[in-house]
Amino acid sequence: MDQQPDIVQVKVGHMLTASTARPTKALQLKVGNNKSVIVYNHINGYILDALMKAVFAHDN
Protein backbone atom coordinates (compact mmCIF):
# COMPACT_ATOMS: atom_id res chain seq x y z
CA MET A 1 0.00 0.00 0.00
CA ASP A 2 1.20 3.50 -0.80
CA GLN A 3 1.58 5.80 2.14
CA GLN A 4 0.24 9.23 1.32
CA PRO A 5 0.34 12.11 3.79
CA ASP A 6 -2.90 13.43 5.19
CA ILE A 7 -3.99 16.81 3.86
CA VAL A 8 -5.18 19.18 6.54
CA GLN A 9 -6.79 22.54 5.86
CA VAL A 10 -5.48 25.28 8.14
CA LYS A 11 -7.12 28.68 8.50
CA VAL A 12 -5.07 31.39 10.17
CA GLY A 13 -6.55 34.69 11.24
CA HIS A 14 -9.49 36.02 9.33
CA MET A 15 -10.43 35.95 5.70
CA LEU A 16 -9.54 39.04 3.70
CA THR A 17 -12.40 40.67 1.95
CA ALA A 18 -12.23 43.23 -0.82
CA SER A 19 -12.80 46.10 1.62
CA THR A 20 -9.96 45.09 4.00
CA ALA A 21 -7.48 44.22 1.26
CA ARG A 22 -7.86 47.53 -0.58
CA PRO A 23 -5.25 50.13 0.43
CA THR A 24 -6.47 53.43 1.80
CA LYS A 25 -4.61 56.69 2.30
CA ALA A 26 -3.02 56.82 5.75
CA LEU A 27 -0.80 59.92 5.53
CA GLN A 28 -0.11 62.78 3.13
CA LEU A 29 2.96 64.99 3.55
CA LYS A 30 3.50 68.23 1.67
CA VAL A 31 7.22 68.35 0.78
CA GLY A 32 7.37 71.42 -1.41
CA ASN A 33 5.51 73.59 -3.86
CA ASN A 34 3.09 71.36 -5.74
CA LYS A 35 4.76 68.24 -4.28
CA SER A 36 3.32 65.80 -1.80
CA VAL A 37 3.95 62.25 -0.66
CA ILE A 38 1.02 59.95 -0.04
CA VAL A 39 1.49 56.91 2.21
CA TYR A 40 -1.10 54.14 2.11
CA ASN A 41 -1.84 51.61 4.83
CA HIS A 42 -0.16 48.19 4.60
CA ILE A 43 3.20 49.83 3.75
CA ASN A 44 6.23 47.82 4.80
CA GLY A 45 8.14 49.27 7.73
CA TYR A 46 11.50 49.45 5.99
CA ILE A 47 9.95 51.30 3.04
CA LEU A 48 8.30 53.81 5.38
CA ASP A 49 11.60 54.27 7.24
CA ALA A 50 13.49 54.96 4.00
CA LEU A 51 10.78 57.35 2.86
CA MET A 52 10.87 59.33 6.09
CA LYS A 53 14.67 59.57 5.97
CA ALA A 54 14.55 60.80 2.37
CA VAL A 55 11.82 63.37 3.06
CA PHE A 56 13.32 64.79 6.24
CA ALA A 57 17.03 64.51 5.31
CA HIS A 58 17.17 68.04 3.87
CA ASP A 59 15.31 69.52 6.84
CA ASN A 60 18.50 70.40 8.81
PDB file of N, CA and C in Angstrom:
ATOM      1  N   MET A   1       0.816  -1.181   0.000  1.00  0.00           N
ATOM      2  CA  MET A   1       0.000   0.000   0.000  1.00  0.00           C
ATOM      3  C   MET A   1       0.862   1.247   0.000  1.00  0.00           C
ATOM      4  N   ASP A   2       0.469   2.227  -0.773  1.00  0.00           N
ATOM      5  CA  ASP A   2       1.195   3.501  -0.798  1.00  0.00           C
ATOM      6  C   ASP A   2       0.830   4.329   0.418  1.00  0.00           C
ATOM      7  N   GLN A   3       1.843   4.902   1.023  1.00  0.00           N
ATOM      8  CA  GLN A   3       1.583   5.802   2.142  1.00  0.00           C
ATOM      9  C   GLN A   3       1.534   7.225   1.609  1.00  0.00           C
ATOM     10  N   GLN A   4       0.404   7.845   1.753  1.00  0.00           N
ATOM     11  CA  GLN A   4       0.237   9.231   1.322  1.00  0.00           C
ATOM     12  C   GLN A   4      -0.055  10.079   2.548  1.00  0.00           C
ATOM     13  N   PRO A   5       0.563  11.257   2.612  1.00  0.00           N
ATOM     14  CA  PRO A   5       0.339  12.109   3.787  1.00  0.00           C
ATOM     15  C   PRO A   5      -1.094  12.626   3.814  1.00  0.00           C
ATOM     16  N   ASP A   6      -1.582  12.846   5.031  1.00  0.00           N
ATOM     17  CA  ASP A   6      -2.901  13.435   5.194  1.00  0.00           C
ATOM     18  C   ASP A   6      -2.853  14.909   4.806  1.00  0.00           C
ATOM     19  N   ILE A   7      -3.889  15.397   4.221  1.00  0.00           N
ATOM     20  CA  ILE A   7      -3.995  16.810   3.864  1.00  0.00           C
ATOM     21  C   ILE A   7      -4.931  17.454   4.870  1.00  0.00           C
ATOM     22  N   VAL A   8      -4.418  18.495   5.510  1.00  0.00           N
ATOM     23  CA  VAL A   8      -5.179  19.180   6.544  1.00  0.00           C
ATOM     24  C   VAL A   8      -5.324  20.639   6.147  1.00  0.00           C
ATOM     25  N   GLN A   9      -6.557  21.137   6.161  1.00  0.00           N
ATOM     26  CA  GLN A   9      -6.794  22.538   5.862  1.00  0.00           C
ATOM     27  C   GLN A   9      -6.570  23.351   7.125  1.00  0.00           C
ATOM     28  N   VAL A  10      -5.784  24.423   7.003  1.00  0.00           N
ATOM     29  CA  VAL A  10      -5.484  25.283   8.135  1.00  0.00           C
ATOM     30  C   VAL A  10      -5.933  26.697   7.788  1.00  0.00           C
ATOM     31  N   LYS A  11      -6.695  27.293   8.674  1.00  0.00           N
ATOM     32  CA  LYS A  11      -7.122  28.681   8.501  1.00  0.00           C
ATOM     33  C   LYS A  11      -6.490  29.508   9.600  1.00  0.00           C
ATOM     34  N   VAL A  12      -5.751  30.535   9.212  1.00  0.00           N
ATOM     35  CA  VAL A  12      -5.072  31.390  10.174  1.00  0.00           C
ATOM     36  C   VAL A  12      -5.672  32.781  10.086  1.00  0.00           C
ATOM     37  N   GLY A  13      -6.024  33.331  11.222  1.00  0.00           N
ATOM     38  CA  GLY A  13      -6.554  34.689  11.244  1.00  0.00           C
ATOM     39  C   GLY A  13      -7.938  34.764  10.651  1.00  0.00           C
ATOM     40  N   HIS A  14      -8.179  35.823   9.935  1.00  0.00           N
ATOM     41  CA  HIS A  14      -9.488  36.022   9.329  1.00  0.00           C
ATOM     42  C   HIS A  14      -9.342  36.092   7.808  1.00  0.00           C
ATOM     43  N   MET A  15     -10.433  35.893   7.155  1.00  0.00           N
ATOM     44  CA  MET A  15     -10.433  35.948   5.699  1.00  0.00           C
ATOM     45  C   MET A  15     -10.390  37.411   5.255  1.00  0.00           C
ATOM     46  N   LEU A  16      -9.607  37.689   4.239  1.00  0.00           N
ATOM     47  CA  LEU A  16      -9.544  39.041   3.705  1.00  0.00           C
ATOM     48  C   LEU A  16     -10.682  39.248   2.724  1.00  0.00           C
ATOM     49  N   THR A  17     -11.356  40.330   2.891  1.00  0.00           N
ATOM     50  CA  THR A  17     -12.401  40.675   1.948  1.00  0.00           C
ATOM     51  C   THR A  17     -11.897  41.825   1.085  1.00  0.00           C
ATOM     52  N   ALA A  18     -12.646  42.168   0.089  1.00  0.00           N
ATOM     53  CA  ALA A  18     -12.232  43.233  -0.817  1.00  0.00           C
ATOM     54  C   ALA A  18     -12.058  44.562  -0.087  1.00  0.00           C
ATOM     55  N   SER A  19     -12.890  44.824   0.917  1.00  0.00           N
ATOM     56  CA  SER A  19     -12.795  46.097   1.623  1.00  0.00           C
ATOM     57  C   SER A  19     -11.568  46.167   2.531  1.00  0.00           C
ATOM     58  N   THR A  20     -11.130  45.047   3.124  1.00  0.00           N
ATOM     59  CA  THR A  20      -9.960  45.089   3.995  1.00  0.00           C
ATOM     60  C   THR A  20      -8.663  44.968   3.223  1.00  0.00           C
ATOM     61  N   ALA A  21      -8.700  44.408   2.044  1.00  0.00           N
ATOM     62  CA  ALA A  21      -7.482  44.223   1.263  1.00  0.00           C
ATOM     63  C   ALA A  21      -7.139  45.457   0.447  1.00  0.00           C
ATOM     64  N   ARG A  22      -8.086  46.351   0.246  1.00  0.00           N
ATOM     65  CA  ARG A  22      -7.855  47.528  -0.580  1.00  0.00           C
ATOM     66  C   ARG A  22      -7.097  48.581   0.229  1.00  0.00           C
ATOM     67  N   PRO A  23      -6.003  49.106  -0.311  1.00  0.00           N
ATOM     68  CA  PRO A  23      -5.255  50.127   0.428  1.00  0.00           C
ATOM     69  C   PRO A  23      -6.028  51.437   0.502  1.00  0.00           C
ATOM     70  N   THR A  24      -5.876  52.116   1.618  1.00  0.00           N
ATOM     71  CA  THR A  24      -6.474  53.428   1.801  1.00  0.00           C
ATOM     72  C   THR A  24      -5.387  54.400   2.239  1.00  0.00           C
ATOM     73  N   LYS A  25      -5.611  55.672   1.975  1.00  0.00           N
ATOM     74  CA  LYS A  25      -4.612  56.685   2.297  1.00  0.00           C
ATOM     75  C   LYS A  25      -4.487  56.831   3.801  1.00  0.00           C
ATOM     76  N   ALA A  26      -3.264  56.714   4.318  1.00  0.00           N
ATOM     77  CA  ALA A  26      -3.023  56.823   5.750  1.00  0.00           C
ATOM     78  C   ALA A  26      -2.377  58.157   6.117  1.00  0.00           C
ATOM     79  N   LEU A  27      -1.564  58.714   5.208  1.00  0.00           N
ATOM     80  CA  LEU A  27      -0.801  59.918   5.528  1.00  0.00           C
ATOM     81  C   LEU A  27      -0.466  60.650   4.240  1.00  0.00           C
ATOM     82  N   GLN A  28      -0.539  61.971   4.265  1.00  0.00           N
ATOM     83  CA  GLN A  28      -0.108  62.776   3.133  1.00  0.00           C
ATOM     84  C   GLN A  28       0.778  63.885   3.661  1.00  0.00           C
ATOM     85  N   LEU A  29       2.006  63.972   3.140  1.00  0.00           N
ATOM     86  CA  LEU A  29       2.963  64.986   3.555  1.00  0.00           C
ATOM     87  C   LEU A  29       3.212  65.946   2.404  1.00  0.00           C
ATOM     88  N   LYS A  30       3.155  67.227   2.674  1.00  0.00           N
ATOM     89  CA  LYS A  30       3.501  68.227   1.669  1.00  0.00           C
ATOM     90  C   LYS A  30       5.003  68.484   1.795  1.00  0.00           C
ATOM     91  N   VAL A  31       5.767  68.242   0.722  1.00  0.00           N
ATOM     92  CA  VAL A  31       7.220  68.353   0.785  1.00  0.00           C
ATOM     93  C   VAL A  31       7.759  69.532  -0.007  1.00  0.00           C
ATOM     94  N   GLY A  32       6.920  70.260  -0.658  1.00  0.00           N
ATOM     95  CA  GLY A  32       7.373  71.422  -1.414  1.00  0.00           C
ATOM     96  C   GLY A  32       6.221  72.009  -2.190  1.00  0.00           C
ATOM     97  N   ASN A  33       6.546  72.997  -3.025  1.00  0.00           N
ATOM     98  CA  ASN A  33       5.514  73.594  -3.859  1.00  0.00           C
ATOM     99  C   ASN A  33       5.022  72.570  -4.868  1.00  0.00           C
ATOM    100  N   ASN A  34       3.736  72.312  -4.829  1.00  0.00           N
ATOM    101  CA  ASN A  34       3.090  71.365  -5.745  1.00  0.00           C
ATOM    102  C   ASN A  34       3.655  69.950  -5.637  1.00  0.00           C
ATOM    103  N   LYS A  35       4.234  69.596  -4.502  1.00  0.00           N
ATOM    104  CA  LYS A  35       4.758  68.244  -4.278  1.00  0.00           C
ATOM    105  C   LYS A  35       4.198  67.701  -2.975  1.00  0.00           C
ATOM    106  N   SER A  36       3.761  66.462  -3.019  1.00  0.00           N
ATOM    107  CA  SER A  36       3.323  65.804  -1.800  1.00  0.00           C
ATOM    108  C   SER A  36       3.617  64.315  -1.907  1.00  0.00           C
ATOM    109  N   VAL A  37       3.711  63.688  -0.752  1.00  0.00           N
ATOM    110  CA  VAL A  37       3.948  62.255  -0.663  1.00  0.00           C
ATOM    111  C   VAL A  37       2.738  61.642   0.016  1.00  0.00           C
ATOM    112  N   ILE A  38       2.166  60.632  -0.605  1.00  0.00           N
ATOM    113  CA  ILE A  38       1.015  59.948  -0.037  1.00  0.00           C
ATOM    114  C   ILE A  38       1.446  58.559   0.402  1.00  0.00           C
ATOM    115  N   VAL A  39       1.163  58.218   1.650  1.00  0.00           N
ATOM    116  CA  VAL A  39       1.485  56.911   2.208  1.00  0.00           C
ATOM    117  C   VAL A  39       0.176  56.172   2.438  1.00  0.00           C
ATOM    118  N   TYR A  40       0.096  54.955   1.945  1.00  0.00           N
ATOM    119  CA  TYR A  40      -1.098  54.139   2.110  1.00  0.00           C
ATOM    120  C   TYR A  40      -0.877  53.115   3.218  1.00  0.00           C
ATOM    121  N   ASN A  41      -1.974  52.630   3.803  1.00  0.00           N
ATOM    122  CA  ASN A  41      -1.841  51.607   4.835  1.00  0.00           C
ATOM    123  C   ASN A  41      -1.263  50.331   4.217  1.00  0.00           C
ATOM    124  N   HIS A  42      -0.816  49.443   5.007  1.00  0.00           N
ATOM    125  CA  HIS A  42      -0.159  48.191   4.604  1.00  0.00           C
ATOM    126  C   HIS A  42       1.217  48.426   3.992  1.00  0.00           C
ATOM    127  N   ILE A  43       1.843  49.576   4.253  1.00  0.00           N
ATOM    128  CA  ILE A  43       3.195  49.826   3.751  1.00  0.00           C
ATOM    129  C   ILE A  43       4.176  49.055   4.631  1.00  0.00           C
ATOM    130  N   ASN A  44       5.209  48.532   4.025  1.00  0.00           N
ATOM    131  CA  ASN A  44       6.230  47.823   4.797  1.00  0.00           C
ATOM    132  C   ASN A  44       7.030  48.815   5.628  1.00  0.00           C
ATOM    133  N   GLY A  45       7.441  48.394   6.808  1.00  0.00           N
ATOM    134  CA  GLY A  45       8.143  49.269   7.732  1.00  0.00           C
ATOM    135  C   GLY A  45       9.450  49.808   7.188  1.00  0.00           C
ATOM    136  N   TYR A  46      10.218  48.987   6.501  1.00  0.00           N
ATOM    137  CA  TYR A  46      11.500  49.452   5.987  1.00  0.00           C
ATOM    138  C   TYR A  46      11.306  50.450   4.851  1.00  0.00           C
ATOM    139  N   ILE A  47      10.231  50.330   4.102  1.00  0.00           N
ATOM    140  CA  ILE A  47       9.951  51.303   3.038  1.00  0.00           C
ATOM    141  C   ILE A  47       9.544  52.633   3.661  1.00  0.00           C
ATOM    142  N   LEU A  48       8.706  52.591   4.699  1.00  0.00           N
ATOM    143  CA  LEU A  48       8.303  53.814   5.385  1.00  0.00           C
ATOM    144  C   LEU A  48       9.498  54.487   6.042  1.00  0.00           C
ATOM    145  N   ASP A  49      10.404  53.718   6.627  1.00  0.00           N
ATOM    146  CA  ASP A  49      11.605  54.270   7.244  1.00  0.00           C
ATOM    147  C   ASP A  49      12.473  54.969   6.203  1.00  0.00           C
ATOM    148  N   ALA A  50      12.692  54.346   5.059  1.00  0.00           N
ATOM    149  CA  ALA A  50      13.495  54.957   3.999  1.00  0.00           C
ATOM    150  C   ALA A  50      12.829  56.213   3.452  1.00  0.00           C
ATOM    151  N   LEU A  51      11.521  56.179   3.336  1.00  0.00           N
ATOM    152  CA  LEU A  51      10.784  57.354   2.855  1.00  0.00           C
ATOM    153  C   LEU A  51      10.920  58.524   3.821  1.00  0.00           C
ATOM    154  N   MET A  52      10.765  58.266   5.110  1.00  0.00           N
ATOM    155  CA  MET A  52      10.872  59.333   6.095  1.00  0.00           C
ATOM    156  C   MET A  52      12.287  59.929   6.134  1.00  0.00           C
ATOM    157  N   LYS A  53      13.299  59.083   5.998  1.00  0.00           N
ATOM    158  CA  LYS A  53      14.670  59.570   5.973  1.00  0.00           C
ATOM    159  C   LYS A  53      14.923  60.420   4.744  1.00  0.00           C
ATOM    160  N   ALA A  54      14.363  60.036   3.609  1.00  0.00           N
ATOM    161  CA  ALA A  54      14.548  60.803   2.372  1.00  0.00           C
ATOM    162  C   ALA A  54      13.802  62.135   2.430  1.00  0.00           C
ATOM    163  N   VAL A  55      12.613  62.139   3.012  1.00  0.00           N
ATOM    164  CA  VAL A  55      11.823  63.375   3.064  1.00  0.00           C
ATOM    165  C   VAL A  55      12.420  64.354   4.044  1.00  0.00           C
ATOM    166  N   PHE A  56      12.853  63.892   5.214  1.00  0.00           N
ATOM    167  CA  PHE A  56      13.324  64.788   6.243  1.00  0.00           C
ATOM    168  C   PHE A  56      14.847  64.932   6.291  1.00  0.00           C
ATOM    169  N   ALA A  57      15.568  64.398   5.327  1.00  0.00           N
ATOM    170  CA  ALA A  57      17.035  64.505   5.312  1.00  0.00           C
ATOM    171  C   ALA A  57      17.484  65.929   5.046  1.00  0.00           C
ATOM    172  N   HIS A  58      16.777  66.666   4.205  1.00  0.00           N
ATOM    173  CA  HIS A  58      17.169  68.037   3.869  1.00  0.00           C
ATOM    174  C   HIS A  58      16.612  69.051   4.845  1.00  0.00           C
ATOM    175  N   ASP A  59      15.980  68.626   5.897  1.00  0.00           N
ATOM    176  CA  ASP A  59      15.307  69.522   6.842  1.00  0.00           C
ATOM    177  C   ASP A  59      16.235  70.018   7.937  1.00  0.00           C
ATOM    178  N   ASN A  60      17.539  69.976   7.769  1.00  0.00           N
ATOM    179  CA  ASN A  60      18.503  70.398   8.807  1.00  0.00           C
ATOM    180  C   ASN A  60      18.539  71.887   8.957  1.00  0.00           C
TER     181      ASN A  60
END
